Full PDB file with SEQRES, HELIX, SHEET, SSBOND, CRYST1, ORIGX, SCALE, CONECT and MASTER records, all heavy atoms in Angstrom:
SEQRES   1 A   39  ALA LEU GLU ARG LEU GLN LYS SER PHE VAL VAL SER GLY          
SEQRES   2 A   39  SER GLY MET ALA GLY MET GLY SER PRO ASN SER ILE LYS          
SEQRES   3 A   39  THR LYS LYS VAL THR ARG ARG PHE TYR LEU CYS GLY ASP          
HELIX    1 AA1 PRO A   22  SER A   24  5                                   3    
SHEET    1 AA1 3 VAL A  10  GLY A  13  0                                        
SHEET    2 AA1 3 PHE A  34  GLY A  38  1                                        
SHEET    3 AA1 3 LYS A  26  THR A  31 -1                                        
CRYST1    1.000    1.000    1.000  90.00  90.00  90.00 P 1           1          
ORIGX1      1.000000  0.000000  0.000000        0.00000                         
ORIGX2      0.000000  1.000000  0.000000        0.00000                         
ORIGX3      0.000000  0.000000  1.000000        0.00000                         
SCALE1      1.000000  0.000000  0.000000        0.00000                         
SCALE2      0.000000  1.000000  0.000000        0.00000                         
SCALE3      0.000000  0.000000  1.000000        0.00000                         
ATOM      1  N   ALA A   1     -14.070 -13.018  -9.457  1.00  0.00           N  
ATOM      2  CA  ALA A   1     -14.655 -13.564  -8.229  1.00  0.00           C  
ATOM      3  C   ALA A   1     -15.992 -12.911  -7.911  1.00  0.00           C  
ATOM      4  O   ALA A   1     -16.962 -13.581  -7.535  1.00  0.00           O  
ATOM      5  CB  ALA A   1     -13.685 -13.393  -7.071  1.00  0.00           C  
ATOM      6  N   LEU A   2     -16.062 -11.590  -8.065  1.00  0.00           N  
ATOM      7  CA  LEU A   2     -17.314 -10.889  -7.761  1.00  0.00           C  
ATOM      8  C   LEU A   2     -18.426 -11.264  -8.733  1.00  0.00           C  
ATOM      9  O   LEU A   2     -19.591 -11.345  -8.350  1.00  0.00           O  
ATOM     10  CB  LEU A   2     -17.080  -9.376  -7.782  1.00  0.00           C  
ATOM     11  CG  LEU A   2     -16.213  -8.818  -6.650  1.00  0.00           C  
ATOM     12  CD1 LEU A   2     -15.946  -7.333  -6.862  1.00  0.00           C  
ATOM     13  CD2 LEU A   2     -16.870  -9.045  -5.289  1.00  0.00           C  
ATOM     14  N   GLU A   3     -18.062 -11.518  -9.977  1.00  0.00           N  
ATOM     15  CA  GLU A   3     -19.060 -11.849 -10.993  1.00  0.00           C  
ATOM     16  C   GLU A   3     -19.489 -13.313 -10.941  1.00  0.00           C  
ATOM     17  O   GLU A   3     -20.667 -13.631 -11.127  1.00  0.00           O  
ATOM     18  CB  GLU A   3     -18.513 -11.536 -12.382  1.00  0.00           C  
ATOM     19  CG  GLU A   3     -18.347 -10.051 -12.669  1.00  0.00           C  
ATOM     20  CD  GLU A   3     -17.616  -9.796 -13.969  1.00  0.00           C  
ATOM     21  OE1 GLU A   3     -17.350 -10.769 -14.714  1.00  0.00           O  
ATOM     22  OE2 GLU A   3     -17.302  -8.621 -14.254  1.00  0.00           O  
ATOM     23  N   ARG A   4     -18.550 -14.211 -10.667  1.00  0.00           N  
ATOM     24  CA  ARG A   4     -18.810 -15.637 -10.856  1.00  0.00           C  
ATOM     25  C   ARG A   4     -18.942 -16.430  -9.565  1.00  0.00           C  
ATOM     26  O   ARG A   4     -19.377 -17.581  -9.581  1.00  0.00           O  
ATOM     27  CB  ARG A   4     -17.691 -16.229 -11.722  1.00  0.00           C  
ATOM     28  CG  ARG A   4     -17.600 -15.552 -13.091  1.00  0.00           C  
ATOM     29  CD  ARG A   4     -16.306 -15.886 -13.817  1.00  0.00           C  
ATOM     30  NE  ARG A   4     -16.209 -17.287 -14.151  1.00  0.00           N  
ATOM     31  CZ  ARG A   4     -15.109 -17.865 -14.645  1.00  0.00           C  
ATOM     32  NH1 ARG A   4     -13.998 -17.143 -14.802  1.00  0.00           N  
ATOM     33  NH2 ARG A   4     -15.102 -19.148 -14.936  1.00  0.00           N  
ATOM     34  N   LEU A   5     -18.535 -15.856  -8.441  1.00  0.00           N  
ATOM     35  CA  LEU A   5     -18.617 -16.545  -7.153  1.00  0.00           C  
ATOM     36  C   LEU A   5     -19.463 -15.700  -6.220  1.00  0.00           C  
ATOM     37  O   LEU A   5     -18.958 -15.002  -5.332  1.00  0.00           O  
ATOM     38  CB  LEU A   5     -17.214 -16.785  -6.588  1.00  0.00           C  
ATOM     39  CG  LEU A   5     -16.318 -17.677  -7.449  1.00  0.00           C  
ATOM     40  CD1 LEU A   5     -14.868 -17.597  -6.994  1.00  0.00           C  
ATOM     41  CD2 LEU A   5     -16.798 -19.115  -7.442  1.00  0.00           C  
ATOM     42  N   GLN A   6     -20.756 -15.772  -6.405  1.00  0.00           N  
ATOM     43  CA  GLN A   6     -21.687 -14.841  -5.775  1.00  0.00           C  
ATOM     44  C   GLN A   6     -21.779 -14.979  -4.255  1.00  0.00           C  
ATOM     45  O   GLN A   6     -22.239 -14.059  -3.571  1.00  0.00           O  
ATOM     46  CB  GLN A   6     -23.089 -15.031  -6.377  1.00  0.00           C  
ATOM     47  CG  GLN A   6     -23.175 -14.710  -7.860  1.00  0.00           C  
ATOM     48  CD  GLN A   6     -22.974 -13.237  -8.139  1.00  0.00           C  
ATOM     49  OE1 GLN A   6     -23.465 -12.382  -7.402  1.00  0.00           O  
ATOM     50  NE2 GLN A   6     -22.256 -12.912  -9.198  1.00  0.00           N  
ATOM     51  N   LYS A   7     -21.337 -16.106  -3.700  1.00  0.00           N  
ATOM     52  CA  LYS A   7     -21.430 -16.310  -2.261  1.00  0.00           C  
ATOM     53  C   LYS A   7     -20.159 -15.895  -1.514  1.00  0.00           C  
ATOM     54  O   LYS A   7     -20.142 -15.901  -0.287  1.00  0.00           O  
ATOM     55  CB  LYS A   7     -21.751 -17.779  -1.964  1.00  0.00           C  
ATOM     56  CG  LYS A   7     -23.120 -18.219  -2.470  1.00  0.00           C  
ATOM     57  CD  LYS A   7     -23.395 -19.669  -2.103  1.00  0.00           C  
ATOM     58  CE  LYS A   7     -24.763 -20.116  -2.591  1.00  0.00           C  
ATOM     59  NZ  LYS A   7     -25.046 -21.539  -2.245  1.00  0.00           N  
ATOM     60  N   SER A   8     -19.128 -15.549  -2.255  1.00  0.00           N  
ATOM     61  CA  SER A   8     -17.843 -15.240  -1.635  1.00  0.00           C  
ATOM     62  C   SER A   8     -17.632 -13.743  -1.476  1.00  0.00           C  
ATOM     63  O   SER A   8     -18.064 -12.953  -2.310  1.00  0.00           O  
ATOM     64  CB  SER A   8     -16.692 -15.807  -2.485  1.00  0.00           C  
ATOM     65  OG  SER A   8     -16.775 -17.209  -2.583  1.00  0.00           O  
ATOM     66  N   PHE A   9     -16.948 -13.367  -0.406  1.00  0.00           N  
ATOM     67  CA  PHE A   9     -16.475 -12.004  -0.222  1.00  0.00           C  
ATOM     68  C   PHE A   9     -15.056 -11.918  -0.776  1.00  0.00           C  
ATOM     69  O   PHE A   9     -14.322 -12.913  -0.801  1.00  0.00           O  
ATOM     70  CB  PHE A   9     -16.466 -11.632   1.261  1.00  0.00           C  
ATOM     71  CG  PHE A   9     -17.838 -11.428   1.844  1.00  0.00           C  
ATOM     72  CD1 PHE A   9     -18.622 -12.509   2.222  1.00  0.00           C  
ATOM     73  CD2 PHE A   9     -18.343 -10.146   2.007  1.00  0.00           C  
ATOM     74  CE1 PHE A   9     -19.885 -12.329   2.757  1.00  0.00           C  
ATOM     75  CE2 PHE A   9     -19.608  -9.942   2.547  1.00  0.00           C  
ATOM     76  CZ  PHE A   9     -20.385 -11.039   2.909  1.00  0.00           C  
ATOM     77  N   VAL A  10     -14.662 -10.717  -1.194  1.00  0.00           N  
ATOM     78  CA  VAL A  10     -13.321 -10.501  -1.727  1.00  0.00           C  
ATOM     79  C   VAL A  10     -12.667  -9.366  -0.941  1.00  0.00           C  
ATOM     80  O   VAL A  10     -13.250  -8.291  -0.786  1.00  0.00           O  
ATOM     81  CB  VAL A  10     -13.347 -10.147  -3.224  1.00  0.00           C  
ATOM     82  CG1 VAL A  10     -11.934  -9.895  -3.737  1.00  0.00           C  
ATOM     83  CG2 VAL A  10     -14.027 -11.260  -4.030  1.00  0.00           C  
ATOM     84  N   VAL A  11     -11.451  -9.625  -0.448  1.00  0.00           N  
ATOM     85  CA  VAL A  11     -10.661  -8.611   0.251  1.00  0.00           C  
ATOM     86  C   VAL A  11      -9.362  -8.444  -0.523  1.00  0.00           C  
ATOM     87  O   VAL A  11      -8.624  -9.410  -0.735  1.00  0.00           O  
ATOM     88  CB  VAL A  11     -10.374  -9.022   1.707  1.00  0.00           C  
ATOM     89  CG1 VAL A  11      -9.506  -7.977   2.392  1.00  0.00           C  
ATOM     90  CG2 VAL A  11     -11.685  -9.210   2.472  1.00  0.00           C  
ATOM     91  N   SER A  12      -9.088  -7.211  -0.952  1.00  0.00           N  
ATOM     92  CA  SER A  12      -7.953  -6.945  -1.831  1.00  0.00           C  
ATOM     93  C   SER A  12      -7.037  -5.896  -1.230  1.00  0.00           C  
ATOM     94  O   SER A  12      -7.456  -5.097  -0.380  1.00  0.00           O  
ATOM     95  CB  SER A  12      -8.487  -6.466  -3.193  1.00  0.00           C  
ATOM     96  OG  SER A  12      -7.432  -6.162  -4.090  1.00  0.00           O  
ATOM     97  N   GLY A  13      -5.772  -5.889  -1.676  1.00  0.00           N  
ATOM     98  CA  GLY A  13      -4.813  -4.896  -1.214  1.00  0.00           C  
ATOM     99  C   GLY A  13      -4.329  -4.027  -2.366  1.00  0.00           C  
ATOM    100  O   GLY A  13      -4.066  -4.534  -3.458  1.00  0.00           O  
ATOM    101  N   SER A  14      -4.199  -2.730  -2.118  1.00  0.00           N  
ATOM    102  CA  SER A  14      -3.717  -1.812  -3.151  1.00  0.00           C  
ATOM    103  C   SER A  14      -3.056  -0.600  -2.511  1.00  0.00           C  
ATOM    104  O   SER A  14      -3.711   0.192  -1.838  1.00  0.00           O  
ATOM    105  CB  SER A  14      -4.884  -1.354  -4.038  1.00  0.00           C  
ATOM    106  OG  SER A  14      -4.439  -0.417  -4.997  1.00  0.00           O  
ATOM    107  N   GLY A  15      -1.742  -0.457  -2.721  1.00  0.00           N  
ATOM    108  CA  GLY A  15      -1.039   0.705  -2.225  1.00  0.00           C  
ATOM    109  C   GLY A  15      -0.449   0.506  -0.848  1.00  0.00           C  
ATOM    110  O   GLY A  15      -1.138   0.668   0.158  1.00  0.00           O  
ATOM    111  N   MET A  16       0.851   0.132  -0.807  1.00  0.00           N  
ATOM    112  CA  MET A  16       1.528  -0.043   0.486  1.00  0.00           C  
ATOM    113  C   MET A  16       3.020   0.211   0.346  1.00  0.00           C  
ATOM    114  O   MET A  16       3.802  -0.089   1.233  1.00  0.00           O  
ATOM    115  CB  MET A  16       1.298  -1.454   1.019  1.00  0.00           C  
ATOM    116  CG  MET A  16       1.970  -2.524   0.177  1.00  0.00           C  
ATOM    117  SD  MET A  16       1.063  -4.054   0.041  1.00  0.00           S  
ATOM    118  CE  MET A  16      -0.257  -3.591  -1.060  1.00  0.00           C  
ATOM    119  N   ALA A  17       3.437   0.770  -0.806  1.00  0.00           N  
ATOM    120  CA  ALA A  17       4.855   0.965  -1.074  1.00  0.00           C  
ATOM    121  C   ALA A  17       5.404   2.183  -0.337  1.00  0.00           C  
ATOM    122  O   ALA A  17       4.661   3.063   0.101  1.00  0.00           O  
ATOM    123  CB  ALA A  17       5.077   1.127  -2.578  1.00  0.00           C  
ATOM    124  N   GLY A  18       6.725   2.222  -0.221  1.00  0.00           N  
ATOM    125  CA  GLY A  18       7.400   3.393   0.307  1.00  0.00           C  
ATOM    126  C   GLY A  18       7.408   3.502   1.820  1.00  0.00           C  
ATOM    127  O   GLY A  18       7.155   2.539   2.542  1.00  0.00           O  
ATOM    128  N   MET A  19       7.682   4.701   2.273  1.00  0.00           N  
ATOM    129  CA  MET A  19       7.841   4.991   3.708  1.00  0.00           C  
ATOM    130  C   MET A  19       6.792   5.985   4.193  1.00  0.00           C  
ATOM    131  O   MET A  19       7.017   6.756   5.124  1.00  0.00           O  
ATOM    132  CB  MET A  19       9.242   5.561   3.967  1.00  0.00           C  
ATOM    133  CG  MET A  19      10.359   4.564   3.749  1.00  0.00           C  
ATOM    134  SD  MET A  19      10.555   3.424   5.133  1.00  0.00           S  
ATOM    135  CE  MET A  19      11.258   4.520   6.356  1.00  0.00           C  
ATOM    136  N   GLY A  20       5.639   5.991   3.545  1.00  0.00           N  
ATOM    137  CA  GLY A  20       4.575   6.915   3.927  1.00  0.00           C  
ATOM    138  C   GLY A  20       4.028   6.620   5.308  1.00  0.00           C  
ATOM    139  O   GLY A  20       4.310   5.582   5.920  1.00  0.00           O  
ATOM    140  N   SER A  21       3.224   7.532   5.801  1.00  0.00           N  
ATOM    141  CA  SER A  21       2.644   7.388   7.134  1.00  0.00           C  
ATOM    142  C   SER A  21       1.862   6.091   7.262  1.00  0.00           C  
ATOM    143  O   SER A  21       1.099   5.724   6.361  1.00  0.00           O  
ATOM    144  CB  SER A  21       1.700   8.561   7.414  1.00  0.00           C  
ATOM    145  OG  SER A  21       0.940   8.315   8.582  1.00  0.00           O  
ATOM    146  N   PRO A  22       2.013   5.395   8.375  1.00  0.00           N  
ATOM    147  CA  PRO A  22       1.221   4.181   8.582  1.00  0.00           C  
ATOM    148  C   PRO A  22      -0.273   4.480   8.638  1.00  0.00           C  
ATOM    149  O   PRO A  22      -1.089   3.617   8.336  1.00  0.00           O  
ATOM    150  CB  PRO A  22       1.731   3.640   9.920  1.00  0.00           C  
ATOM    151  CG  PRO A  22       2.356   4.812  10.604  1.00  0.00           C  
ATOM    152  CD  PRO A  22       2.926   5.655   9.509  1.00  0.00           C  
ATOM    153  N   ASN A  23      -0.611   5.704   8.984  1.00  0.00           N  
ATOM    154  CA  ASN A  23      -2.022   6.064   9.095  1.00  0.00           C  
ATOM    155  C   ASN A  23      -2.712   6.212   7.743  1.00  0.00           C  
ATOM    156  O   ASN A  23      -3.931   6.367   7.692  1.00  0.00           O  
ATOM    157  CB  ASN A  23      -2.162   7.363   9.891  1.00  0.00           C  
ATOM    158  CG  ASN A  23      -1.692   7.206  11.323  1.00  0.00           C  
ATOM    159  OD1 ASN A  23      -1.836   6.155  11.921  1.00  0.00           O  
ATOM    160  ND2 ASN A  23      -1.093   8.249  11.870  1.00  0.00           N  
ATOM    161  N   SER A  24      -1.932   6.186   6.661  1.00  0.00           N  
ATOM    162  CA  SER A  24      -2.541   6.259   5.339  1.00  0.00           C  
ATOM    163  C   SER A  24      -3.075   4.910   4.873  1.00  0.00           C  
ATOM    164  O   SER A  24      -3.818   4.835   3.896  1.00  0.00           O  
ATOM    165  CB  SER A  24      -1.539   6.808   4.318  1.00  0.00           C  
ATOM    166  OG  SER A  24      -0.455   5.909   4.144  1.00  0.00           O  
ATOM    167  N   ILE A  25      -2.688   3.827   5.552  1.00  0.00           N  
ATOM    168  CA  ILE A  25      -3.225   2.498   5.232  1.00  0.00           C  
ATOM    169  C   ILE A  25      -4.601   2.379   5.865  1.00  0.00           C  
ATOM    170  O   ILE A  25      -4.748   2.467   7.076  1.00  0.00           O  
ATOM    171  CB  ILE A  25      -2.310   1.371   5.762  1.00  0.00           C  
ATOM    172  CG1 ILE A  25      -0.885   1.528   5.217  1.00  0.00           C  
ATOM    173  CG2 ILE A  25      -2.883   0.007   5.408  1.00  0.00           C  
ATOM    174  CD1 ILE A  25      -0.727   1.270   3.751  1.00  0.00           C  
ATOM    175  N   LYS A  26      -5.595   2.181   5.034  1.00  0.00           N  
ATOM    176  CA  LYS A  26      -6.981   2.124   5.516  1.00  0.00           C  
ATOM    177  C   LYS A  26      -7.738   0.997   4.826  1.00  0.00           C  
ATOM    178  O   LYS A  26      -7.273   0.438   3.836  1.00  0.00           O  
ATOM    179  CB  LYS A  26      -7.693   3.460   5.253  1.00  0.00           C  
ATOM    180  CG  LYS A  26      -7.038   4.665   5.924  1.00  0.00           C  
ATOM    181  CD  LYS A  26      -7.796   5.936   5.661  1.00  0.00           C  
ATOM    182  CE  LYS A  26      -7.096   7.151   6.270  1.00  0.00           C  
ATOM    183  NZ  LYS A  26      -6.940   7.031   7.725  1.00  0.00           N  
ATOM    184  N   THR A  27      -8.907   0.677   5.360  1.00  0.00           N  
ATOM    185  CA  THR A  27      -9.797  -0.318   4.759  1.00  0.00           C  
ATOM    186  C   THR A  27     -11.060   0.376   4.283  1.00  0.00           C  
ATOM    187  O   THR A  27     -11.682   1.125   5.038  1.00  0.00           O  
ATOM    188  CB  THR A  27     -10.163  -1.413   5.773  1.00  0.00           C  
ATOM    189  OG1 THR A  27      -8.971  -2.109   6.159  1.00  0.00           O  
ATOM    190  CG2 THR A  27     -11.141  -2.413   5.157  1.00  0.00           C  
ATOM    191  N   LYS A  28     -11.422   0.113   3.047  1.00  0.00           N  
ATOM    192  CA  LYS A  28     -12.605   0.726   2.437  1.00  0.00           C  
ATOM    193  C   LYS A  28     -13.563  -0.359   1.958  1.00  0.00           C  
ATOM    194  O   LYS A  28     -13.166  -1.290   1.271  1.00  0.00           O  
ATOM    195  CB  LYS A  28     -12.202   1.609   1.261  1.00  0.00           C  
ATOM    196  CG  LYS A  28     -13.369   2.275   0.553  1.00  0.00           C  
ATOM    197  CD  LYS A  28     -12.871   3.109  -0.623  1.00  0.00           C  
ATOM    198  CE  LYS A  28     -14.030   3.755  -1.369  1.00  0.00           C  
ATOM    199  NZ  LYS A  28     -13.546   4.549  -2.541  1.00  0.00           N  
ATOM    200  N   LYS A  29     -14.821  -0.249   2.345  1.00  0.00           N  
ATOM    201  CA  LYS A  29     -15.851  -1.142   1.826  1.00  0.00           C  
ATOM    202  C   LYS A  29     -16.334  -0.572   0.505  1.00  0.00           C  
ATOM    203  O   LYS A  29     -16.977   0.475   0.461  1.00  0.00           O  
ATOM    204  CB  LYS A  29     -17.012  -1.259   2.820  1.00  0.00           C  
ATOM    205  CG  LYS A  29     -18.101  -2.226   2.368  1.00  0.00           C  
ATOM    206  CD  LYS A  29     -19.201  -2.328   3.416  1.00  0.00           C  
ATOM    207  CE  LYS A  29     -20.268  -3.325   2.992  1.00  0.00           C  
ATOM    208  NZ  LYS A  29     -21.333  -3.444   4.026  1.00  0.00           N  
ATOM    209  N   VAL A  30     -16.017  -1.249  -0.598  1.00  0.00           N  
ATOM    210  CA  VAL A  30     -16.346  -0.751  -1.926  1.00  0.00           C  
ATOM    211  C   VAL A  30     -17.767  -1.144  -2.313  1.00  0.00           C  
ATOM    212  O   VAL A  30     -18.550  -0.318  -2.784  1.00  0.00           O  
ATOM    213  CB  VAL A  30     -15.335  -1.273  -2.969  1.00  0.00           C  
ATOM    214  CG1 VAL A  30     -15.659  -0.725  -4.358  1.00  0.00           C  
ATOM    215  CG2 VAL A  30     -13.905  -0.891  -2.560  1.00  0.00           C  
ATOM    216  N   THR A  31     -18.094  -2.419  -2.117  1.00  0.00           N  
ATOM    217  CA  THR A  31     -19.453  -2.921  -2.315  1.00  0.00           C  
ATOM    218  C   THR A  31     -19.765  -3.866  -1.166  1.00  0.00           C  
ATOM    219  O   THR A  31     -18.910  -4.100  -0.301  1.00  0.00           O  
ATOM    220  CB  THR A  31     -19.612  -3.674  -3.657  1.00  0.00           C  
ATOM    221  OG1 THR A  31     -18.848  -4.902  -3.601  1.00  0.00           O  
ATOM    222  CG2 THR A  31     -19.112  -2.836  -4.827  1.00  0.00           C  
ATOM    223  N   ARG A  32     -20.923  -4.445  -1.153  1.00  0.00           N  
ATOM    224  CA  ARG A  32     -21.309  -5.338  -0.052  1.00  0.00           C  
ATOM    225  C   ARG A  32     -20.338  -6.494   0.111  1.00  0.00           C  
ATOM    226  O   ARG A  32     -20.080  -6.946   1.233  1.00  0.00           O  
ATOM    227  CB  ARG A  32     -22.724  -5.887  -0.298  1.00  0.00           C  
ATOM    228  CG  ARG A  32     -23.259  -6.725   0.867  1.00  0.00           C  
ATOM    229  CD  ARG A  32     -24.628  -7.295   0.561  1.00  0.00           C  
ATOM    230  NE  ARG A  32     -24.575  -8.307  -0.474  1.00  0.00           N  
ATOM    231  CZ  ARG A  32     -24.257  -9.599  -0.239  1.00  0.00           C  
ATOM    232  NH1 ARG A  32     -23.957 -10.017   0.972  1.00  0.00           N  
ATOM    233  NH2 ARG A  32     -24.235 -10.462  -1.232  1.00  0.00           N  
ATOM    234  N   ARG A  33     -19.758  -6.963  -0.991  1.00  0.00           N  
ATOM    235  CA  ARG A  33     -18.900  -8.145  -0.950  1.00  0.00           C  
ATOM    236  C   ARG A  33     -17.435  -7.842  -1.269  1.00  0.00           C  
ATOM    237  O   ARG A  33     -16.637  -8.774  -1.404  1.00  0.00           O  
ATOM    238  CB  ARG A  33     -19.423  -9.197  -1.942  1.00  0.00           C  
ATOM    239  CG  ARG A  33     -20.786  -9.765  -1.577  1.00  0.00           C  
ATOM    240  CD  ARG A  33     -21.368 -10.627  -2.713  1.00  0.00           C  
ATOM    241  NE  ARG A  33     -20.394 -11.493  -3.326  1.00  0.00           N  
ATOM    242  CZ  ARG A  33     -20.101 -11.497  -4.633  1.00  0.00           C  
ATOM    243  NH1 ARG A  33     -20.731 -10.688  -5.477  1.00  0.00           N  
ATOM    244  NH2 ARG A  33     -19.183 -12.318  -5.112  1.00  0.00           N  
ATOM    245  N   PHE A  34     -17.071  -6.582  -1.387  1.00  0.00           N  
ATOM    246  CA  PHE A  34     -15.708  -6.246  -1.797  1.00  0.00           C  
ATOM    247  C   PHE A  34     -15.106  -5.171  -0.902  1.00  0.00           C  
ATOM    248  O   PHE A  34     -15.668  -4.093  -0.743  1.00  0.00           O  
ATOM    249  CB  PHE A  34     -15.711  -5.768  -3.255  1.00  0.00           C  
ATOM    250  CG  PHE A  34     -14.365  -5.340  -3.772  1.00  0.00           C  
ATOM    251  CD1 PHE A  34     -13.213  -6.036  -3.450  1.00  0.00           C  
ATOM    252  CD2 PHE A  34     -14.264  -4.221  -4.587  1.00  0.00           C  
ATOM    253  CE1 PHE A  34     -11.970  -5.635  -3.927  1.00  0.00           C  
ATOM    254  CE2 PHE A  34     -13.025  -3.805  -5.070  1.00  0.00           C  
ATOM    255  CZ  PHE A  34     -11.883  -4.519  -4.747  1.00  0.00           C  
ATOM    256  N   TYR A  35     -13.953  -5.502  -0.293  1.00  0.00           N  
ATOM    257  CA  TYR A  35     -13.223  -4.594   0.584  1.00  0.00           C  
ATOM    258  C   TYR A  35     -11.827  -4.361   0.017  1.00  0.00           C  
ATOM    259  O   TYR A  35     -11.180  -5.297  -0.470  1.00  0.00           O  
ATOM    260  CB  TYR A  35     -13.102  -5.191   1.981  1.00  0.00           C  
ATOM    261  CG  TYR A  35     -14.406  -5.288   2.734  1.00  0.00           C  
ATOM    262  CD1 TYR A  35     -15.354  -6.264   2.419  1.00  0.00           C  
ATOM    263  CD2 TYR A  35     -14.696  -4.422   3.774  1.00  0.00           C  
ATOM    264  CE1 TYR A  35     -16.551  -6.368   3.114  1.00  0.00           C  
ATOM    265  CE2 TYR A  35     -15.890  -4.516   4.482  1.00  0.00           C  
ATOM    266  CZ  TYR A  35     -16.804  -5.487   4.137  1.00  0.00           C  
ATOM    267  OH  TYR A  35     -17.994  -5.584   4.832  1.00  0.00           O  
ATOM    268  N   LEU A  36     -11.349  -3.115   0.107  1.00  0.00           N  
ATOM    269  CA  LEU A  36     -10.044  -2.746  -0.413  1.00  0.00           C  
ATOM    270  C   LEU A  36      -9.203  -2.159   0.714  1.00  0.00           C  
ATOM    271  O   LEU A  36      -9.623  -1.216   1.398  1.00  0.00           O  
ATOM    272  CB  LEU A  36     -10.209  -1.727  -1.539  1.00  0.00           C  
ATOM    273  CG  LEU A  36      -8.955  -1.355  -2.337  1.00  0.00           C  
ATOM    274  CD1 LEU A  36      -8.358  -2.585  -3.018  1.00  0.00           C  
ATOM    275  CD2 LEU A  36      -9.297  -0.286  -3.374  1.00  0.00           C  
ATOM    276  N   CYS A  37      -8.002  -2.709   0.906  1.00  0.00           N  
ATOM    277  CA  CYS A  37      -7.099  -2.273   1.971  1.00  0.00           C  
ATOM    278  C   CYS A  37      -5.827  -1.674   1.367  1.00  0.00           C  
ATOM    279  O   CYS A  37      -5.314  -2.179   0.371  1.00  0.00           O  
ATOM    280  CB  CYS A  37      -6.721  -3.445   2.866  1.00  0.00           C  
ATOM    281  SG  CYS A  37      -8.123  -4.344   3.578  1.00  0.00           S  
ATOM    282  N   GLY A  38      -5.326  -0.601   1.974  1.00  0.00           N  
ATOM    283  CA  GLY A  38      -4.113   0.047   1.507  1.00  0.00           C  
ATOM    284  C   GLY A  38      -4.295   1.541   1.454  1.00  0.00           C  
ATOM    285  O   GLY A  38      -5.284   2.079   1.962  1.00  0.00           O  
ATOM    286  N   ASP A  39      -3.328   2.245   0.829  1.00  0.00           N  
ATOM    287  CA  ASP A  39      -3.499   3.691   0.674  1.00  0.00           C  
ATOM    288  C   ASP A  39      -4.097   4.048  -0.681  1.00  0.00           C  
ATOM    289  O   ASP A  39      -4.427   5.197  -0.942  1.00  0.00           O  
ATOM    290  CB  ASP A  39      -2.181   4.435   0.910  1.00  0.00           C  
ATOM    291  CG  ASP A  39      -1.095   4.073  -0.100  1.00  0.00           C  
ATOM    292  OD1 ASP A  39      -1.411   3.674  -1.233  1.00  0.00           O  
ATOM    293  OD2 ASP A  39       0.101   4.212   0.239  1.00  0.00           O  
TER     294      ASP A  39                                                      
MASTER        0    0    0    1    3    0    0    6  293    1    0    3          
END                                                                             
């Protein structure tokens, strides 16, 4: 998507398993068009 769909933003999830603290789930802006959510 980032390579071939230049007008689109991408929001992805990574890391949400288990019973860890809810405060460990965060959102990170990786690049201008790519955001990563999770721990």
